Amino acid sequence: MLARLHETQPGRVIEVDLDDEDGMMIYEAELATPDGRLIEVEIDAASGRILALDEEDGD
């Protein structure tokens, strides 16, 4: 899962959680990009498909 994430979004993984969202297991990963942005990514735990990628607001 982390290797696939790094293929699309480089950065250092800060935190990973596994959650059950309506019967679907979802990894929620937070990473810091090389340029200092914080990105939150939701990944389907079964397929490894990235479901959402959002930049966190720094305010």
C-alpha atoms as a PDB file:
ATOM      1  CA  MET A   1       0.000   0.000   0.000  1.00  0.00           C
ATOM      2  CA  LEU A   2       2.745   2.479   0.897  1.00  0.00           C
ATOM      3  CA  ALA A   3       4.735   1.664  -2.240  1.00  0.00           C
ATOM      4  CA  ARG A   4       1.715   2.420  -4.417  1.00  0.00           C
ATOM      5  CA  LEU A   5       1.134   5.660  -2.517  1.00  0.00           C
ATOM      6  CA  HIS A   6       4.732   6.781  -3.094  1.00  0.00           C
ATOM      7  CA  GLU A   7       4.334   6.146  -6.829  1.00  0.00           C
ATOM      8  CA  THR A   8       1.662   8.842  -7.041  1.00  0.00           C
ATOM      9  CA  GLN A   9       2.493  11.124  -4.112  1.00  0.00           C
ATOM     10  CA  PRO A  10       6.066  11.408  -2.863  1.00  0.00           C
ATOM     11  CA  GLY A  11       6.575  12.319   0.767  1.00  0.00           C
ATOM     12  CA  ARG A  12       7.192  11.069   4.271  1.00  0.00           C
ATOM     13  CA  VAL A  13       4.349   9.112   5.867  1.00  0.00           C
ATOM     14  CA  ILE A  14       3.447  10.632   9.223  1.00  0.00           C
ATOM     15  CA  GLU A  15       0.457   8.508  10.215  1.00  0.00           C
ATOM     16  CA  VAL A  16      -1.664   5.637   8.870  1.00  0.00           C
ATOM     17  CA  ASP A  17      -5.038   4.511  10.236  1.00  0.00           C
ATOM     18  CA  LEU A  18      -7.305   1.697   9.095  1.00  0.00           C
ATOM     19  CA  ASP A  19     -11.015   2.518   9.367  1.00  0.00           C
ATOM     20  CA  ASP A  20     -14.253   0.728   8.527  1.00  0.00           C
ATOM     21  CA  GLU A  21     -16.433   3.108   6.521  1.00  0.00           C
ATOM     22  CA  ASP A  22     -19.829   1.517   5.851  1.00  0.00           C
ATOM     23  CA  GLY A  23     -18.305  -1.964   5.548  1.00  0.00           C
ATOM     24  CA  MET A  24     -15.384  -0.829   3.371  1.00  0.00           C
ATOM     25  CA  MET A  25     -11.915  -0.915   4.918  1.00  0.00           C
ATOM     26  CA  ILE A  26     -10.085   2.336   4.188  1.00  0.00           C
ATOM     27  CA  TYR A  27      -6.519   3.349   4.965  1.00  0.00           C
ATOM     28  CA  GLU A  28      -6.193   7.004   5.882  1.00  0.00           C
ATOM     29  CA  ALA A  29      -2.615   8.165   5.479  1.00  0.00           C
ATOM     30  CA  GLU A  30      -1.138  11.554   6.266  1.00  0.00           C
ATOM     31  CA  LEU A  31       2.113  12.558   4.614  1.00  0.00           C
ATOM     32  CA  ALA A  32       4.449  15.501   4.432  1.00  0.00           C
ATOM     33  CA  THR A  33       5.588  16.315   0.901  1.00  0.00           C
ATOM     34  CA  PRO A  34       9.179  17.304   0.100  1.00  0.00           C
ATOM     35  CA  ASP A  35       8.009  20.933  -0.247  1.00  0.00           C
ATOM     36  CA  GLY A  36       6.408  20.906   3.239  1.00  0.00           C
ATOM     37  CA  ARG A  37       2.714  20.445   2.426  1.00  0.00           C
ATOM     38  CA  LEU A  38       0.523  18.044   4.429  1.00  0.00           C
ATOM     39  CA  ILE A  39      -1.545  15.644   2.330  1.00  0.00           C
ATOM     40  CA  GLU A  40      -4.284  13.275   3.518  1.00  0.00           C
ATOM     41  CA  VAL A  41      -4.933  10.237   1.348  1.00  0.00           C
ATOM     42  CA  GLU A  42      -7.745   7.675   1.541  1.00  0.00           C
ATOM     43  CA  ILE A  43      -6.927   4.263   0.055  1.00  0.00           C
ATOM     44  CA  ASP A  44      -9.174   1.238  -0.472  1.00  0.00           C
ATOM     45  CA  ALA A  45      -7.524  -1.428   1.708  1.00  0.00           C
ATOM     46  CA  ALA A  46      -8.745  -4.275  -0.527  1.00  0.00           C
ATOM     47  CA  SER A  47      -7.606  -2.945  -3.914  1.00  0.00           C
ATOM     48  CA  GLY A  48      -4.997  -0.327  -3.023  1.00  0.00           C
ATOM     49  CA  ARG A  49      -6.864   2.217  -5.153  1.00  0.00           C
ATOM     50  CA  ILE A  50      -6.521   5.854  -4.051  1.00  0.00           C
ATOM     51  CA  LEU A  51     -10.006   7.142  -3.284  1.00  0.00           C
ATOM     52  CA  ALA A  52      -9.233  10.708  -2.207  1.00  0.00           C
ATOM     53  CA  LEU A  53      -6.224  12.966  -1.936  1.00  0.00           C
ATOM     54  CA  ASP A  54      -6.626  16.253  -0.093  1.00  0.00           C
ATOM     55  CA  GLU A  55      -4.158  18.904   0.914  1.00  0.00           C
ATOM     56  CA  GLU A  56      -4.662  19.921   4.526  1.00  0.00           C
ATOM     57  CA  ASP A  57      -5.123  23.595   5.260  1.00  0.00           C
ATOM     58  CA  GLY A  58      -2.146  25.003   7.138  1.00  0.00           C
ATOM     59  CA  ASP A  59      -4.193  27.620   9.026  1.00  0.00           C
END
